[in-house]
């Protein structure tokens, strides 16, 4: 999975606090199962098994590799 690839969440994804400390209190804290997104960045030295994904509901999160799968519904 590389930047630009479409993915979908395997299950519901939750966040208990604002991402990077800059999100407003009303920011979404859940991405529903099978929500489609695009990979913005892949794993790096700091986040070895995580992908930076922008989901269709405009939530941009770092997610673990096991929380997403390729979206192949063409």
C-alpha atoms as a PDB file:
ATOM      1  CA  UNK A   1       0.000   0.000   0.000  1.00  0.00           C
ATOM      2  CA  UNK A   2       1.518   3.236  -1.182  1.00  0.00           C
ATOM      3  CA  UNK A   3       0.521   6.931  -1.074  1.00  0.00           C
ATOM      4  CA  UNK A   4      -2.360   7.522  -3.477  1.00  0.00           C
ATOM      5  CA  UNK A   5      -3.841   4.031  -3.023  1.00  0.00           C
ATOM      6  CA  UNK A   6      -7.475   3.661  -2.018  1.00  0.00           C
ATOM      7  CA  UNK A   7      -8.152   1.729   1.176  1.00  0.00           C
ATOM      8  CA  UNK A   8     -11.084   1.040   3.475  1.00  0.00           C
ATOM      9  CA  UNK A   9     -11.298   0.575   7.213  1.00  0.00           C
ATOM     10  CA  UNK A  10     -11.599  -3.061   8.274  1.00  0.00           C
ATOM     11  CA  UNK A  11     -13.786  -2.181  11.269  1.00  0.00           C
ATOM     12  CA  UNK A  12     -14.885   0.857  13.241  1.00  0.00           C
ATOM     13  CA  UNK A  13     -11.891   3.033  14.149  1.00  0.00           C
ATOM     14  CA  UNK A  14     -11.930   5.196  17.270  1.00  0.00           C
ATOM     15  CA  UNK A  15      -9.837   8.042  18.638  1.00  0.00           C
ATOM     16  CA  UNK A  16     -10.042   9.127  22.266  1.00  0.00           C
ATOM     17  CA  UNK A  17      -8.307  12.490  21.881  1.00  0.00           C
ATOM     18  CA  UNK A  18      -7.757  15.128  19.189  1.00  0.00           C
ATOM     19  CA  UNK A  19      -5.085  14.167  16.681  1.00  0.00           C
ATOM     20  CA  UNK A  20      -1.788  16.038  17.143  1.00  0.00           C
ATOM     21  CA  UNK A  21      -3.476  18.241  19.750  1.00  0.00           C
ATOM     22  CA  UNK A  22      -4.906  20.689  17.203  1.00  0.00           C
ATOM     23  CA  UNK A  23      -8.383  19.308  16.516  1.00  0.00           C
ATOM     24  CA  UNK A  24     -11.480  20.961  17.903  1.00  0.00           C
ATOM     25  CA  UNK A  25     -13.609  19.183  20.486  1.00  0.00           C
ATOM     26  CA  UNK A  26     -16.341  18.548  17.909  1.00  0.00           C
ATOM     27  CA  UNK A  27     -13.962  16.692  15.541  1.00  0.00           C
ATOM     28  CA  UNK A  28     -15.100  13.162  14.698  1.00  0.00           C
ATOM     29  CA  UNK A  29     -13.761  10.467  16.999  1.00  0.00           C
ATOM     30  CA  UNK A  30     -14.931   7.506  14.913  1.00  0.00           C
ATOM     31  CA  UNK A  31     -14.523   6.240  11.375  1.00  0.00           C
ATOM     32  CA  UNK A  32     -17.136   3.632  10.506  1.00  0.00           C
ATOM     33  CA  UNK A  33     -16.324   0.186   9.179  1.00  0.00           C
ATOM     34  CA  UNK A  34     -15.678   0.047   5.423  1.00  0.00           C
ATOM     35  CA  UNK A  35     -15.163   3.805   5.121  1.00  0.00           C
ATOM     36  CA  UNK A  36     -13.025   4.506   2.054  1.00  0.00           C
ATOM     37  CA  UNK A  37      -9.917   6.656   2.229  1.00  0.00           C
ATOM     38  CA  UNK A  38      -6.709   7.488   0.414  1.00  0.00           C
ATOM     39  CA  UNK A  39      -3.230   6.900   1.768  1.00  0.00           C
ATOM     40  CA  UNK A  40      -1.378  10.196   2.155  1.00  0.00           C
ATOM     41  CA  UNK A  41       1.837   8.720   3.577  1.00  0.00           C
ATOM     42  CA  UNK A  42       3.190   5.330   4.457  1.00  0.00           C
ATOM     43  CA  UNK A  43       5.218   4.016   7.362  1.00  0.00           C
ATOM     44  CA  UNK A  44       8.317   5.945   8.374  1.00  0.00           C
ATOM     45  CA  UNK A  45      11.001   5.767  11.058  1.00  0.00           C
ATOM     46  CA  UNK A  46       8.672   7.267  13.668  1.00  0.00           C
ATOM     47  CA  UNK A  47       5.515   5.336  12.664  1.00  0.00           C
ATOM     48  CA  UNK A  48       6.810   1.975  11.492  1.00  0.00           C
ATOM     49  CA  UNK A  49       3.489   0.173  10.888  1.00  0.00           C
ATOM     50  CA  UNK A  50       1.128   3.103  10.386  1.00  0.00           C
ATOM     51  CA  UNK A  51      -0.392   4.855   7.400  1.00  0.00           C
ATOM     52  CA  UNK A  52      -1.614   8.456   7.212  1.00  0.00           C
ATOM     53  CA  UNK A  53      -5.076   8.169   5.657  1.00  0.00           C
ATOM     54  CA  UNK A  54      -7.681  10.743   4.675  1.00  0.00           C
ATOM     55  CA  UNK A  55     -11.098   9.093   4.881  1.00  0.00           C
ATOM     56  CA  UNK A  56     -14.126  10.242   2.849  1.00  0.00           C
ATOM     57  CA  UNK A  57     -15.690  11.931   5.868  1.00  0.00           C
ATOM     58  CA  UNK A  58     -12.599  14.206   5.857  1.00  0.00           C
ATOM     59  CA  UNK A  59     -11.000  12.596   8.899  1.00  0.00           C
ATOM     60  CA  UNK A  60      -7.219  12.394   8.520  1.00  0.00           C
ATOM     61  CA  UNK A  61      -5.642   9.879  10.897  1.00  0.00           C
ATOM     62  CA  UNK A  62      -2.595   7.701  11.328  1.00  0.00           C
ATOM     63  CA  UNK A  63      -3.921   4.135  11.427  1.00  0.00           C
ATOM     64  CA  UNK A  64      -2.268   0.780  12.019  1.00  0.00           C
ATOM     65  CA  UNK A  65      -1.629  -1.450   9.017  1.00  0.00           C
ATOM     66  CA  UNK A  66      -4.140  -4.049  10.275  1.00  0.00           C
ATOM     67  CA  UNK A  67      -6.948  -1.465  10.474  1.00  0.00           C
ATOM     68  CA  UNK A  68      -7.125  -0.891   6.713  1.00  0.00           C
ATOM     69  CA  UNK A  69      -7.191  -3.015   3.574  1.00  0.00           C
ATOM     70  CA  UNK A  70      -6.932  -2.230  -0.137  1.00  0.00           C
ATOM     71  CA  UNK A  71     -10.165  -1.003  -1.725  1.00  0.00           C
ATOM     72  CA  UNK A  72     -10.690  -3.065  -4.867  1.00  0.00           C
ATOM     73  CA  UNK A  73     -14.318  -2.496  -5.854  1.00  0.00           C
ATOM     74  CA  UNK A  74     -13.999  -1.277  -9.428  1.00  0.00           C
END
